[in-house]
């Protein structure tokens, strides 16, 4: 039985979307147990009348909440009874296999670092969402946990990302690209130039720089960058997808002729929308911590929460935390022996 810890009060649509997603996950997966962390009476009220196996649920009372606009580190340190803090403390103590929250990203990263803590040998944990690409998916690492990075951080992000794509996504030899402003080796700033050399020397399958237009082309399985670049890139992609679908819908409904065409093309548009829908992909993994931490989108609906729970289950089933620890230790040993 995989024990998962869910922040019931985190996110724009909490607690209803969080709890509806939890119920849907319990109905689909018979091998999970969920700790629901938050105000007990609120959780009980929302669960009343829903069909689920109550023997696989435990409510953990937590009286405080961390708001999106609060200073992350201060909130994590002072709000000891916040649902996110209590849940992360449970993960740190080994009471669950993974922790999921749709709450503040900054607080999730701070809590992952200060409470769950870095795994041995990890320089910085990194947020890593899987984005849709022309050939399956591509892991973006980092997308916001580390705004200022050193070259060695990017090298380690690449190693952790490769482990995840190989173990979870079944990519035999993940192709790693370094996000840069040109394909040539000499392009970039001091960070990317130094990181390029470190990645060349790594045991991973580094295939060179990844320009912005090629990130989703299917040429890469992992793309590496600092958290500032990654967050801007991810938010731009979300906004771009929303804008394009909005404009397409507007044009297709503009006349009788286009409405007929839209009706004929509806299956294709539905398939495309599903491929680009973040609710299908779960959340961003915080790779490099002592226990699994998954940051779901702040505006997650029940479907997105269910996907994040399924992702956490897979993360636990495959033992990603231990694999990262093991392979980083092996990489460090190889470096010492050179």
Foldseek 3Di string as FASTA:
>chain_A
DAEEEEACAAFPDGNQQLLLLVQVLQVVDVPYAYEYEEAPVVSCVNCPPDDGDCVRYHYHYAYDADAQPDQQLVCLVPRCRHRLNVRLLCQLVVVGQAYEHQHHPSNLLNSLPPRLRFFPLQPGWAWWFWAAAPPGTAIETHAASFQDDALVNQLLSQVLLQLCCCQQVVDPAFEEAEEFQDQDQPGHDPRSNVNQVSNVPAPHRYDTHDYLVCRRHPPGRYYTDGNVVNNVSVVVLVVVVVVVVVVLVCVLPVDPVSVVVCVVCVVVVVVVCVSRDLLQGAFIWRPRGQHTYGHFHSNDGSSNSNNNVVVSVSCSVRVSNVVSSVVSVVRVVVVVVD
